[in-house]
Amino acid sequence: EGALALKMLSIARLPEGTTLSGVLGDAYPAVRDKAAALGIDLKPLDGFQPWFVAITASVTQLMRLGFNPNEGVERHFLGRARADHKEICGFETAEEQLRLLSGMSLGEQTQLLTQSIDELADVATQMNEMLNAWQHGDERGLLKTAFRQMERNPELYRAMILDRNQRFTQGIERLLSQRQDYLVIIGAGHLVGRDSVLKMLRRVGHRTHQL
């Protein structure tokens, strides 16, 4: 994980001589002040791309609310699989995910950051809504909360949802062609919406059922 953190910092850095404040231009003062009001200092992040700053700010706020990124569902089952000496494979690597974000235009990244900072002021309400929808299997509720930013960021939607859902669907089809049982774990945001993995699987003839 230490190596991944270093890789992330390397991928997330802006080109030499470029700064976050320079990329955001006239939008920077408002973003800086809103972040400061949340207790987030953007100065140490001035050499990083907007997507990285958006994620860092979001994770900081969520951890303050008591959310622990090391206690997610995937971490739980990953630990169990390792303890049982089961094979673990993935449809993408962490580095590939990072490069998807880094590959977005700076304009789209700037929009992502400004929206993220605006929404962090009410992040507790948003997370409670999302958790309630997830716990009750409420597809409409998840769609409303998980896609709040995606609806306004077509490039972000394509990079983080559409393209990845297509890759996940192809990966699941490969597993279905084998005579073994597999447990597939993907984020809830990939299971709802017009381009969800479930709908893509149905389009090619597979049946899906929500438990």
N, C-alpha and C. Protein backbone atom coordinates (compact mmCIF):
# COMPACT_ATOMS: atom_id res chain seq x y z
N GLU A 1 0.82 -1.20 0.00
CA GLU A 1 0.00 0.00 0.00
C GLU A 1 0.86 1.26 0.00
N GLY A 2 2.03 1.17 0.58
CA GLY A 2 2.94 2.31 0.55
C GLY A 2 3.37 2.62 -0.86
N ALA A 3 3.64 1.58 -1.65
CA ALA A 3 4.03 1.77 -3.04
C ALA A 3 2.90 2.39 -3.84
N LEU A 4 1.65 1.97 -3.55
CA LEU A 4 0.50 2.53 -4.25
C LEU A 4 0.32 4.00 -3.91
N ALA A 5 0.55 4.35 -2.64
CA ALA A 5 0.43 5.75 -2.23
C ALA A 5 1.44 6.62 -2.97
N LEU A 6 2.65 6.13 -3.11
CA LEU A 6 3.67 6.88 -3.85
C LEU A 6 3.30 7.00 -5.32
N LYS A 7 2.74 5.93 -5.88
CA LYS A 7 2.31 5.96 -7.28
C LYS A 7 1.19 6.98 -7.46
N MET A 8 0.26 7.02 -6.51
CA MET A 8 -0.84 7.96 -6.59
C MET A 8 -0.32 9.40 -6.55
N LEU A 9 0.61 9.68 -5.66
CA LEU A 9 1.16 11.03 -5.57
C LEU A 9 1.87 11.41 -6.86
N SER A 10 2.54 10.45 -7.47
CA SER A 10 3.25 10.71 -8.72
C SER A 10 2.27 11.01 -9.86
N ILE A 11 1.21 10.21 -9.95
CA ILE A 11 0.22 10.39 -11.01
C ILE A 11 -0.55 11.69 -10.82
N ALA A 12 -0.81 12.03 -9.55
CA ALA A 12 -1.68 13.17 -9.25
C ALA A 12 -0.98 14.52 -9.35
N ARG A 13 0.33 14.55 -9.47
CA ARG A 13 1.04 15.83 -9.50
C ARG A 13 0.79 16.57 -10.81
N LEU A 14 0.68 17.88 -10.69
CA LEU A 14 0.58 18.73 -11.87
C LEU A 14 1.95 18.83 -12.53
N PRO A 15 2.00 19.16 -13.82
CA PRO A 15 3.30 19.34 -14.49
C PRO A 15 4.14 20.41 -13.79
N GLU A 16 5.43 20.28 -13.91
CA GLU A 16 6.37 21.23 -13.30
C GLU A 16 5.99 22.65 -13.71
N GLY A 17 5.92 23.54 -12.71
CA GLY A 17 5.62 24.93 -12.98
C GLY A 17 4.14 25.26 -13.01
N THR A 18 3.28 24.22 -12.85
CA THR A 18 1.83 24.41 -12.85
C THR A 18 1.31 24.26 -11.42
N THR A 19 0.35 25.09 -11.05
CA THR A 19 -0.21 25.02 -9.70
C THR A 19 -1.72 24.89 -9.74
N LEU A 20 -2.28 24.40 -8.65
CA LEU A 20 -3.73 24.28 -8.54
C LEU A 20 -4.39 25.66 -8.65
N SER A 21 -3.82 26.63 -7.97
CA SER A 21 -4.38 27.98 -8.02
C SER A 21 -4.35 28.52 -9.44
N GLY A 22 -3.30 28.20 -10.19
CA GLY A 22 -3.21 28.65 -11.57
C GLY A 22 -4.22 27.95 -12.46
N VAL A 23 -4.43 26.65 -12.23
CA VAL A 23 -5.39 25.88 -13.03
C VAL A 23 -6.82 26.38 -12.78
N LEU A 24 -7.14 26.65 -11.51
CA LEU A 24 -8.49 27.09 -11.18
C LEU A 24 -8.73 28.56 -11.54
N GLY A 25 -7.68 29.34 -11.58
CA GLY A 25 -7.82 30.75 -11.96
C GLY A 25 -8.75 31.52 -11.05
N ASP A 26 -9.74 32.19 -11.65
CA ASP A 26 -10.66 33.03 -10.88
C ASP A 26 -11.52 32.22 -9.91
N ALA A 27 -11.66 30.92 -10.15
CA ALA A 27 -12.47 30.09 -9.27
C ALA A 27 -11.75 29.74 -7.97
N TYR A 28 -10.42 29.91 -7.96
CA TYR A 28 -9.64 29.44 -6.81
C TYR A 28 -10.00 30.10 -5.49
N PRO A 29 -10.11 31.44 -5.41
CA PRO A 29 -10.40 32.06 -4.10
C PRO A 29 -11.64 31.50 -3.42
N ALA A 30 -12.73 31.31 -4.20
CA ALA A 30 -13.96 30.79 -3.61
C ALA A 30 -13.77 29.36 -3.12
N VAL A 31 -13.09 28.53 -3.92
CA VAL A 31 -12.83 27.15 -3.53
C VAL A 31 -11.96 27.11 -2.28
N ARG A 32 -10.91 27.92 -2.27
CA ARG A 32 -10.00 27.99 -1.12
C ARG A 32 -10.75 28.39 0.15
N ASP A 33 -11.60 29.42 0.06
CA ASP A 33 -12.31 29.91 1.24
C ASP A 33 -13.34 28.91 1.74
N LYS A 34 -14.04 28.24 0.82
CA LYS A 34 -15.02 27.23 1.23
C LYS A 34 -14.33 26.04 1.88
N ALA A 35 -13.18 25.67 1.35
CA ALA A 35 -12.41 24.58 1.95
C ALA A 35 -11.92 24.97 3.34
N ALA A 36 -11.44 26.21 3.46
CA ALA A 36 -10.95 26.69 4.75
C ALA A 36 -12.06 26.68 5.80
N ALA A 37 -13.29 27.03 5.37
CA ALA A 37 -14.43 27.02 6.29
C ALA A 37 -14.72 25.61 6.79
N LEU A 38 -14.31 24.61 6.03
CA LEU A 38 -14.49 23.21 6.43
C LEU A 38 -13.27 22.67 7.19
N GLY A 39 -12.27 23.54 7.36
CA GLY A 39 -11.06 23.13 8.07
C GLY A 39 -10.05 22.45 7.18
N ILE A 40 -10.13 22.69 5.87
CA ILE A 40 -9.23 22.07 4.90
C ILE A 40 -8.34 23.14 4.28
N ASP A 41 -7.04 23.00 4.45
CA ASP A 41 -6.07 23.95 3.91
C ASP A 41 -5.59 23.46 2.54
N LEU A 42 -5.82 24.25 1.51
CA LEU A 42 -5.44 23.83 0.16
C LEU A 42 -3.98 24.14 -0.17
N LYS A 43 -3.31 24.93 0.65
CA LYS A 43 -1.93 25.31 0.33
C LYS A 43 -1.01 24.10 0.12
N PRO A 44 -1.04 23.09 1.00
CA PRO A 44 -0.15 21.93 0.79
C PRO A 44 -0.51 21.11 -0.46
N LEU A 45 -1.67 21.38 -1.05
CA LEU A 45 -2.14 20.62 -2.21
C LEU A 45 -1.99 21.40 -3.51
N ASP A 46 -1.28 22.51 -3.47
CA ASP A 46 -1.22 23.40 -4.63
C ASP A 46 -0.50 22.79 -5.83
N GLY A 47 0.27 21.73 -5.61
CA GLY A 47 0.99 21.11 -6.72
C GLY A 47 0.27 19.90 -7.31
N PHE A 48 -0.98 19.68 -6.89
CA PHE A 48 -1.71 18.48 -7.33
C PHE A 48 -2.90 18.80 -8.21
N GLN A 49 -3.28 17.81 -9.02
CA GLN A 49 -4.39 17.96 -9.93
C GLN A 49 -5.71 18.09 -9.16
N PRO A 50 -6.70 18.79 -9.74
CA PRO A 50 -7.96 19.02 -9.03
C PRO A 50 -8.67 17.75 -8.58
N TRP A 51 -8.64 16.67 -9.38
CA TRP A 51 -9.33 15.45 -8.97
C TRP A 51 -8.77 14.91 -7.67
N PHE A 52 -7.44 14.99 -7.50
CA PHE A 52 -6.80 14.49 -6.29
C PHE A 52 -7.18 15.35 -5.09
N VAL A 53 -7.25 16.65 -5.30
CA VAL A 53 -7.63 17.57 -4.22
C VAL A 53 -9.08 17.30 -3.82
N ALA A 54 -9.95 17.05 -4.80
CA ALA A 54 -11.35 16.76 -4.51
C ALA A 54 -11.47 15.50 -3.66
N ILE A 55 -10.74 14.45 -4.03
CA ILE A 55 -10.81 13.19 -3.29
C ILE A 55 -10.22 13.35 -1.89
N THR A 56 -9.09 14.06 -1.79
CA THR A 56 -8.45 14.28 -0.50
C THR A 56 -9.38 15.03 0.45
N ALA A 57 -10.03 16.08 -0.06
CA ALA A 57 -10.96 16.85 0.76
C ALA A 57 -12.14 16.00 1.20
N SER A 58 -12.67 15.20 0.28
CA SER A 58 -13.82 14.35 0.60
C SER A 58 -13.48 13.30 1.64
N VAL A 59 -12.34 12.63 1.46
CA VAL A 59 -11.93 11.60 2.42
C VAL A 59 -11.67 12.21 3.79
N THR A 60 -11.07 13.40 3.82
CA THR A 60 -10.81 14.09 5.09
C THR A 60 -12.11 14.34 5.84
N GLN A 61 -13.12 14.86 5.14
CA GLN A 61 -14.39 15.13 5.79
C GLN A 61 -15.10 13.86 6.24
N LEU A 62 -15.05 12.83 5.41
CA LEU A 62 -15.72 11.58 5.77
C LEU A 62 -15.07 10.93 6.99
N MET A 63 -13.76 11.00 7.08
CA MET A 63 -13.07 10.43 8.25
C MET A 63 -13.40 11.21 9.50
N ARG A 64 -13.60 12.51 9.37
CA ARG A 64 -14.01 13.32 10.52
C ARG A 64 -15.38 12.91 11.02
N LEU A 65 -16.21 12.41 10.11
CA LEU A 65 -17.55 11.96 10.47
C LEU A 65 -17.55 10.53 11.00
N GLY A 66 -16.40 9.89 11.00
CA GLY A 66 -16.30 8.54 11.54
C GLY A 66 -16.25 7.43 10.51
N PHE A 67 -16.25 7.79 9.22
CA PHE A 67 -16.15 6.77 8.18
C PHE A 67 -14.69 6.36 8.01
N ASN A 68 -14.47 5.05 7.94
CA ASN A 68 -13.11 4.53 7.83
C ASN A 68 -12.96 3.80 6.49
N PRO A 69 -12.10 4.30 5.59
CA PRO A 69 -11.95 3.65 4.28
C PRO A 69 -11.41 2.23 4.37
N ASN A 70 -10.84 1.87 5.52
CA ASN A 70 -10.32 0.51 5.68
C ASN A 70 -11.36 -0.48 6.17
N GLU A 71 -12.60 -0.03 6.33
CA GLU A 71 -13.65 -0.91 6.84
C GLU A 71 -14.76 -1.13 5.81
N GLY A 72 -14.44 -0.94 4.54
CA GLY A 72 -15.42 -1.16 3.49
C GLY A 72 -15.71 -2.64 3.28
N VAL A 73 -16.79 -2.92 2.56
CA VAL A 73 -17.20 -4.30 2.30
C VAL A 73 -16.10 -5.07 1.59
N GLU A 74 -15.45 -4.40 0.60
CA GLU A 74 -14.43 -5.10 -0.17
C GLU A 74 -13.24 -5.47 0.71
N ARG A 75 -12.89 -4.60 1.67
CA ARG A 75 -11.79 -4.90 2.58
C ARG A 75 -12.12 -6.10 3.46
N HIS A 76 -13.37 -6.17 3.89
CA HIS A 76 -13.80 -7.29 4.73
C HIS A 76 -13.63 -8.63 4.00
N PHE A 77 -14.15 -8.70 2.78
CA PHE A 77 -14.08 -9.95 2.03
C PHE A 77 -12.67 -10.22 1.51
N LEU A 78 -11.91 -9.18 1.26
CA LEU A 78 -10.52 -9.39 0.86
C LEU A 78 -9.74 -10.07 1.98
N GLY A 79 -9.98 -9.62 3.23
CA GLY A 79 -9.33 -10.25 4.37
C GLY A 79 -9.74 -11.70 4.54
N ARG A 80 -11.02 -11.98 4.34
CA ARG A 80 -11.50 -13.35 4.46
C ARG A 80 -10.91 -14.24 3.37
N ALA A 81 -10.84 -13.72 2.16
CA ALA A 81 -10.29 -14.51 1.06
C ALA A 81 -8.83 -14.85 1.31
N ARG A 82 -8.08 -13.86 1.81
CA ARG A 82 -6.67 -14.12 2.12
C ARG A 82 -6.53 -15.14 3.22
N ALA A 83 -7.37 -15.03 4.24
CA ALA A 83 -7.31 -15.99 5.35
C ALA A 83 -7.63 -17.40 4.89
N ASP A 84 -8.52 -17.52 3.92
CA ASP A 84 -8.92 -18.84 3.39
C ASP A 84 -8.03 -19.29 2.23
N HIS A 85 -7.00 -18.49 1.91
CA HIS A 85 -6.06 -18.81 0.82
C HIS A 85 -6.78 -18.98 -0.52
N LYS A 86 -7.76 -18.12 -0.76
CA LYS A 86 -8.50 -18.18 -2.03
C LYS A 86 -7.85 -17.24 -3.05
N GLU A 87 -8.02 -17.60 -4.30
CA GLU A 87 -7.49 -16.77 -5.38
C GLU A 87 -8.22 -15.43 -5.43
N ILE A 88 -7.48 -14.36 -5.58
CA ILE A 88 -8.06 -13.02 -5.67
C ILE A 88 -7.64 -12.40 -7.00
N CYS A 89 -8.62 -11.98 -7.78
CA CYS A 89 -8.30 -11.33 -9.05
C CYS A 89 -9.19 -10.11 -9.20
N GLY A 90 -8.84 -9.22 -10.11
CA GLY A 90 -9.61 -8.00 -10.29
C GLY A 90 -9.83 -7.70 -11.76
N PHE A 91 -10.81 -6.85 -12.03
CA PHE A 91 -11.09 -6.44 -13.39
C PHE A 91 -10.26 -5.22 -13.80
N GLU A 92 -9.64 -4.57 -12.83
CA GLU A 92 -8.79 -3.42 -13.10
C GLU A 92 -7.84 -3.26 -11.92
N THR A 93 -6.77 -2.51 -12.11
CA THR A 93 -5.83 -2.25 -11.04
C THR A 93 -6.10 -0.87 -10.45
N ALA A 94 -5.57 -0.64 -9.26
CA ALA A 94 -5.71 0.67 -8.62
C ALA A 94 -5.06 1.75 -9.47
N GLU A 95 -3.94 1.42 -10.09
CA GLU A 95 -3.25 2.41 -10.94
C GLU A 95 -4.12 2.78 -12.13
N GLU A 96 -4.82 1.81 -12.70
CA GLU A 96 -5.71 2.10 -13.82
C GLU A 96 -6.83 3.05 -13.41
N GLN A 97 -7.36 2.87 -12.22
CA GLN A 97 -8.39 3.77 -11.71
C GLN A 97 -7.85 5.19 -11.58
N LEU A 98 -6.64 5.31 -11.04
CA LEU A 98 -6.03 6.62 -10.86
C LEU A 98 -5.79 7.31 -12.20
N ARG A 99 -5.38 6.56 -13.18
CA ARG A 99 -5.10 7.16 -14.49
C ARG A 99 -6.38 7.57 -15.21
N LEU A 100 -7.49 6.92 -14.90
CA LEU A 100 -8.76 7.36 -15.44
C LEU A 100 -9.09 8.76 -14.96
N LEU A 101 -8.88 9.00 -13.67
CA LEU A 101 -9.14 10.32 -13.10
C LEU A 101 -8.15 11.35 -13.64
N SER A 102 -6.89 10.97 -13.68
CA SER A 102 -5.86 11.88 -14.16
C SER A 102 -6.03 12.20 -15.64
N GLY A 103 -6.68 11.31 -16.36
CA GLY A 103 -6.85 11.50 -17.79
C GLY A 103 -7.98 12.46 -18.15
N MET A 104 -8.77 12.86 -17.17
CA MET A 104 -9.83 13.83 -17.46
C MET A 104 -9.22 15.20 -17.75
N SER A 105 -9.91 16.00 -18.53
CA SER A 105 -9.43 17.35 -18.82
C SER A 105 -9.38 18.17 -17.54
N LEU A 106 -8.48 19.15 -17.51
CA LEU A 106 -8.39 20.00 -16.32
C LEU A 106 -9.67 20.79 -16.09
N GLY A 107 -10.38 21.11 -17.17
CA GLY A 107 -11.65 21.79 -17.01
C GLY A 107 -12.67 20.94 -16.29
N GLU A 108 -12.74 19.67 -16.66
CA GLU A 108 -13.67 18.75 -16.00
C GLU A 108 -13.23 18.48 -14.57
N GLN A 109 -11.94 18.38 -14.35
CA GLN A 109 -11.44 18.19 -13.00
C GLN A 109 -11.77 19.39 -12.11
N THR A 110 -11.65 20.58 -12.67
CA THR A 110 -11.96 21.80 -11.92
C THR A 110 -13.43 21.82 -11.52
N GLN A 111 -14.30 21.42 -12.44
CA GLN A 111 -15.73 21.34 -12.14
C GLN A 111 -15.99 20.33 -11.03
N LEU A 112 -15.30 19.19 -11.10
CA LEU A 112 -15.42 18.17 -10.07
C LEU A 112 -15.02 18.73 -8.71
N LEU A 113 -13.91 19.45 -8.65
CA LEU A 113 -13.43 19.99 -7.38
C LEU A 113 -14.40 21.03 -6.82
N THR A 114 -14.85 21.96 -7.65
CA THR A 114 -15.74 23.00 -7.15
C THR A 114 -17.05 22.41 -6.65
N GLN A 115 -17.59 21.42 -7.34
CA GLN A 115 -18.82 20.77 -6.91
C GLN A 115 -18.60 20.00 -5.61
N SER A 116 -17.46 19.32 -5.52
CA SER A 116 -17.16 18.53 -4.33
C SER A 116 -17.07 19.42 -3.09
N ILE A 117 -16.38 20.53 -3.21
CA ILE A 117 -16.24 21.45 -2.08
C ILE A 117 -17.61 22.01 -1.68
N ASP A 118 -18.43 22.35 -2.67
CA ASP A 118 -19.78 22.85 -2.36
C ASP A 118 -20.59 21.81 -1.60
N GLU A 119 -20.49 20.56 -2.00
CA GLU A 119 -21.33 19.51 -1.41
C GLU A 119 -20.80 19.04 -0.06
N LEU A 120 -19.53 19.28 0.22
CA LEU A 120 -18.97 18.81 1.49
C LEU A 120 -19.59 19.51 2.69
N ALA A 121 -20.18 20.68 2.48
CA ALA A 121 -20.82 21.39 3.58
C ALA A 121 -21.99 20.59 4.14
N ASP A 122 -22.58 19.73 3.30
CA ASP A 122 -23.73 18.94 3.73
C ASP A 122 -23.47 17.45 3.53
N VAL A 123 -22.20 17.07 3.67
CA VAL A 123 -21.83 15.69 3.37
C VAL A 123 -22.45 14.69 4.34
N ALA A 124 -22.68 15.08 5.59
CA ALA A 124 -23.27 14.16 6.56
C ALA A 124 -24.66 13.72 6.11
N THR A 125 -25.48 14.68 5.67
CA THR A 125 -26.83 14.36 5.19
C THR A 125 -26.76 13.47 3.96
N GLN A 126 -25.86 13.80 3.04
CA GLN A 126 -25.73 13.04 1.81
C GLN A 126 -25.33 11.59 2.09
N MET A 127 -24.37 11.41 3.00
CA MET A 127 -23.91 10.06 3.31
C MET A 127 -24.98 9.25 4.02
N ASN A 128 -25.74 9.90 4.89
CA ASN A 128 -26.82 9.19 5.57
C ASN A 128 -27.88 8.74 4.57
N GLU A 129 -28.18 9.60 3.59
CA GLU A 129 -29.14 9.23 2.56
C GLU A 129 -28.62 8.05 1.74
N MET A 130 -27.35 8.10 1.38
CA MET A 130 -26.76 7.03 0.57
C MET A 130 -26.72 5.72 1.35
N LEU A 131 -26.32 5.78 2.61
CA LEU A 131 -26.25 4.57 3.43
C LEU A 131 -27.63 3.96 3.63
N ASN A 132 -28.62 4.80 3.84
CA ASN A 132 -29.98 4.30 4.02
C ASN A 132 -30.47 3.61 2.75
N ALA A 133 -30.17 4.20 1.60
CA ALA A 133 -30.57 3.59 0.33
C ALA A 133 -29.84 2.27 0.12
N TRP A 134 -28.55 2.23 0.44
CA TRP A 134 -27.75 1.01 0.29
C TRP A 134 -28.26 -0.10 1.20
N GLN A 135 -28.55 0.23 2.46
CA GLN A 135 -29.00 -0.76 3.42
C GLN A 135 -30.35 -1.37 3.04
N HIS A 136 -31.18 -0.59 2.36
CA HIS A 136 -32.51 -1.07 2.01
C HIS A 136 -32.61 -1.51 0.55
N GLY A 137 -31.49 -1.55 -0.14
CA GLY A 137 -31.51 -1.98 -1.53
C GLY A 137 -32.37 -1.07 -2.39
N ASP A 138 -32.38 0.21 -2.05
CA ASP A 138 -33.23 1.19 -2.74
C ASP A 138 -32.50 1.71 -3.98
N GLU A 139 -32.79 1.13 -5.14
CA GLU A 139 -32.08 1.50 -6.36
C GLU A 139 -32.30 2.97 -6.71
N ARG A 140 -33.52 3.45 -6.58
CA ARG A 140 -33.80 4.85 -6.91
C ARG A 140 -33.06 5.80 -5.98
N GLY A 141 -33.03 5.44 -4.71
CA GLY A 141 -32.33 6.27 -3.74
C GLY A 141 -30.84 6.31 -4.01
N LEU A 142 -30.27 5.15 -4.34
CA LEU A 142 -28.84 5.09 -4.68
C LEU A 142 -28.53 5.88 -5.94
N LEU A 143 -29.42 5.79 -6.90
CA LEU A 143 -29.23 6.51 -8.15
C LEU A 143 -29.22 8.01 -7.90
N LYS A 144 -30.10 8.47 -7.05
CA LYS A 144 -30.19 9.89 -6.73
C LYS A 144 -28.96 10.39 -6.00
N THR A 145 -28.45 9.60 -5.06
CA THR A 145 -27.32 10.06 -4.24
C THR A 145 -25.97 9.78 -4.90
N ALA A 146 -25.79 8.60 -5.43
CA ALA A 146 -24.50 8.22 -5.99
C ALA A 146 -24.17 8.97 -7.28
N PHE A 147 -25.21 9.41 -7.99
CA PHE A 147 -24.98 10.05 -9.29
C PHE A 147 -25.20 11.56 -9.24
N ARG A 148 -25.17 12.13 -8.03
CA ARG A 148 -25.41 13.57 -7.89
C ARG A 148 -24.43 14.38 -8.74
N GLN A 149 -23.15 14.03 -8.67
CA GLN A 149 -22.14 14.75 -9.45
C GLN A 149 -22.06 14.23 -10.88
N MET A 150 -22.26 12.95 -11.05
CA MET A 150 -22.10 12.35 -12.37
C MET A 150 -23.01 12.98 -13.41
N GLU A 151 -24.22 13.33 -12.99
CA GLU A 151 -25.19 13.88 -13.93
C GLU A 151 -24.70 15.20 -14.53
N ARG A 152 -23.84 15.91 -13.79
CA ARG A 152 -23.36 17.21 -14.26
C ARG A 152 -21.96 17.13 -14.87
N ASN A 153 -21.39 15.95 -14.88
CA ASN A 153 -20.03 15.77 -15.40
C ASN A 153 -19.99 14.61 -16.38
N PRO A 154 -20.34 14.85 -17.64
CA PRO A 154 -20.37 13.76 -18.63
C PRO A 154 -19.04 13.04 -18.77
N GLU A 155 -17.94 13.77 -18.70
CA GLU A 155 -16.62 13.14 -18.84
C GLU A 155 -16.32 12.26 -17.65
N LEU A 156 -16.69 12.72 -16.46
CA LEU A 156 -16.50 11.93 -15.25
C LEU A 156 -17.36 10.67 -15.31
N TYR A 157 -18.60 10.81 -15.77
CA TYR A 157 -19.51 9.66 -15.89
C TYR A 157 -18.94 8.62 -16.85
N ARG A 158 -18.44 9.09 -17.98
CA ARG A 158 -17.89 8.15 -18.96
C ARG A 158 -16.67 7.42 -18.40
N ALA A 159 -15.77 8.18 -17.76
CA ALA A 159 -14.52 7.60 -17.27
C ALA A 159 -14.73 6.67 -16.07
N MET A 160 -15.56 7.10 -15.13
CA MET A 160 -15.68 6.37 -13.87
C MET A 160 -16.84 5.38 -13.83
N ILE A 161 -17.82 5.53 -14.72
CA ILE A 161 -18.97 4.63 -14.70
C ILE A 161 -19.09 3.84 -16.00
N LEU A 162 -19.36 4.51 -17.10
CA LEU A 162 -19.68 3.82 -18.34
C LEU A 162 -18.55 2.90 -18.82
N ASP A 163 -17.35 3.43 -19.00
CA ASP A 163 -16.24 2.62 -19.50
C ASP A 163 -15.90 1.47 -18.56
N ARG A 164 -15.95 1.74 -17.27
CA ARG A 164 -15.61 0.70 -16.30
C ARG A 164 -16.71 -0.36 -16.24
N ASN A 165 -17.98 0.06 -16.33
CA ASN A 165 -19.06 -0.93 -16.33
C ASN A 165 -18.94 -1.88 -17.50
N GLN A 166 -18.54 -1.36 -18.66
CA GLN A 166 -18.34 -2.22 -19.82
C GLN A 166 -17.22 -3.23 -19.55
N ARG A 167 -16.15 -2.77 -18.92
CA ARG A 167 -15.03 -3.66 -18.60
C ARG A 167 -15.45 -4.70 -17.55
N PHE A 168 -16.21 -4.26 -16.53
CA PHE A 168 -16.67 -5.19 -15.50
C PHE A 168 -17.59 -6.26 -16.11
N THR A 169 -18.47 -5.84 -17.00
CA THR A 169 -19.40 -6.78 -17.64
C THR A 169 -18.64 -7.83 -18.43
N GLN A 170 -17.65 -7.40 -19.18
CA GLN A 170 -16.83 -8.35 -19.95
C GLN A 170 -16.11 -9.31 -19.01
N GLY A 171 -15.62 -8.79 -17.88
CA GLY A 171 -14.93 -9.64 -16.91
C GLY A 171 -15.87 -10.67 -16.30
N ILE A 172 -17.08 -10.26 -15.97
CA ILE A 172 -18.05 -11.18 -15.39
C ILE A 172 -18.45 -12.25 -16.41
N GLU A 173 -18.59 -11.85 -17.65
CA GLU A 173 -18.91 -12.84 -18.70
C GLU A 173 -17.81 -13.89 -18.82
N ARG A 174 -16.57 -13.49 -18.69
CA ARG A 174 -15.46 -14.47 -18.73
C ARG A 174 -15.58 -15.44 -17.57
N LEU A 175 -15.94 -14.93 -16.40
CA LEU A 175 -16.09 -15.82 -15.23
C LEU A 175 -17.26 -16.77 -15.42
N LEU A 176 -18.34 -16.27 -16.01
CA LEU A 176 -19.53 -17.11 -16.21
C LEU A 176 -19.28 -18.24 -17.20
N SER A 177 -18.27 -18.08 -18.02
CA SER A 177 -17.96 -19.12 -19.01
C SER A 177 -17.15 -20.25 -18.40
N GLN A 178 -16.74 -20.09 -17.14
CA GLN A 178 -15.93 -21.11 -16.47
C GLN A 178 -16.80 -21.95 -15.54
N ARG A 179 -16.37 -23.13 -15.28
CA ARG A 179 -17.14 -24.06 -14.44
C ARG A 179 -16.69 -23.95 -12.98
N GLN A 180 -16.73 -22.76 -12.45
CA GLN A 180 -16.36 -22.52 -11.06
C GLN A 180 -17.31 -21.46 -10.49
N ASP A 181 -17.35 -21.38 -9.16
CA ASP A 181 -18.14 -20.35 -8.49
C ASP A 181 -17.24 -19.17 -8.14
N TYR A 182 -17.74 -17.96 -8.35
CA TYR A 182 -16.99 -16.75 -8.03
C TYR A 182 -17.86 -15.79 -7.25
N LEU A 183 -17.25 -15.05 -6.36
CA LEU A 183 -17.90 -13.93 -5.68
C LEU A 183 -17.34 -12.66 -6.30
N VAL A 184 -18.20 -11.84 -6.89
CA VAL A 184 -17.78 -10.60 -7.52
C VAL A 184 -18.27 -9.44 -6.67
N ILE A 185 -17.35 -8.55 -6.29
CA ILE A 185 -17.70 -7.39 -5.47
C ILE A 185 -17.34 -6.13 -6.24
N ILE A 186 -18.35 -5.32 -6.51
CA ILE A 186 -18.12 -4.02 -7.15
C ILE A 186 -18.96 -2.98 -6.42
N GLY A 187 -18.60 -1.73 -6.56
CA GLY A 187 -19.29 -0.65 -5.87
C GLY A 187 -20.76 -0.56 -6.26
N ALA A 188 -21.59 -0.13 -5.31
CA ALA A 188 -23.03 -0.04 -5.53
C ALA A 188 -23.37 0.91 -6.68
N GLY A 189 -22.54 1.92 -6.89
CA GLY A 189 -22.79 2.87 -7.97
C GLY A 189 -22.74 2.25 -9.35
N HIS A 190 -22.13 1.07 -9.44
CA HIS A 190 -22.04 0.37 -10.73
C HIS A 190 -23.21 -0.58 -10.96
N LEU A 191 -24.11 -0.65 -9.97
CA LEU A 191 -25.24 -1.57 -10.05
C LEU A 191 -26.56 -0.87 -10.30
N VAL A 192 -26.53 0.45 -10.44
CA VAL A 192 -27.75 1.22 -10.65
C VAL A 192 -27.58 2.14 -11.86
N GLY A 193 -28.69 2.58 -12.42
CA GLY A 193 -28.62 3.51 -13.54
C GLY A 193 -28.80 2.85 -14.89
N ARG A 194 -28.91 3.67 -15.92
CA ARG A 194 -29.21 3.17 -17.27
C ARG A 194 -28.08 2.33 -17.85
N ASP A 195 -26.85 2.53 -17.36
CA ASP A 195 -25.71 1.79 -17.89
C ASP A 195 -25.09 0.88 -16.84
N SER A 196 -25.90 0.41 -15.90
CA SER A 196 -25.37 -0.42 -14.82
C SER A 196 -24.85 -1.75 -15.36
N VAL A 197 -23.99 -2.38 -14.58
CA VAL A 197 -23.47 -3.71 -14.94
C VAL A 197 -24.62 -4.70 -15.07
N LEU A 198 -25.61 -4.59 -14.20
CA LEU A 198 -26.74 -5.52 -14.25
C LEU A 198 -27.50 -5.38 -15.56
N LYS A 199 -27.74 -4.14 -15.99
CA LYS A 199 -28.47 -3.95 -17.25
C LYS A 199 -27.63 -4.40 -18.44
N MET A 200 -26.32 -4.19 -18.37
CA MET A 200 -25.46 -4.64 -19.46
C MET A 200 -25.47 -6.16 -19.56
N LEU A 201 -25.48 -6.84 -18.41
CA LEU A 201 -25.54 -8.30 -18.41
C LEU A 201 -26.88 -8.79 -18.97
N ARG A 202 -27.95 -8.09 -18.62
CA ARG A 202 -29.27 -8.48 -19.13
C ARG A 202 -29.34 -8.32 -20.64
N ARG A 203 -28.68 -7.28 -21.16
CA ARG A 203 -28.73 -7.02 -22.60
C ARG A 203 -28.07 -8.13 -23.41
N VAL A 204 -27.14 -8.85 -22.79
CA VAL A 204 -26.47 -9.93 -23.52
C VAL A 204 -27.03 -11.29 -23.11
N GLY A 205 -28.20 -11.28 -22.45
CA GLY A 205 -28.92 -12.53 -22.21
C GLY A 205 -28.82 -13.15 -20.84
N HIS A 206 -28.15 -12.52 -19.90
CA HIS A 206 -28.03 -13.09 -18.55
C HIS A 206 -29.18 -12.62 -17.66
N ARG A 207 -29.56 -13.45 -16.72
CA ARG A 207 -30.59 -13.09 -15.76
C ARG A 207 -29.95 -12.61 -14.47
N THR A 208 -30.50 -11.58 -13.88
CA THR A 208 -29.99 -11.05 -12.60
C THR A 208 -31.15 -10.93 -11.63
N HIS A 209 -30.85 -11.07 -10.34
CA HIS A 209 -31.91 -11.02 -9.32
C HIS A 209 -31.36 -10.35 -8.07
N GLN A 210 -32.08 -9.35 -7.59
CA GLN A 210 -31.67 -8.67 -6.35
C GLN A 210 -32.17 -9.46 -5.15
N LEU A 211 -31.25 -9.79 -4.26
CA LEU A 211 -31.63 -10.57 -3.08
C LEU A 211 -32.21 -9.68 -2.00
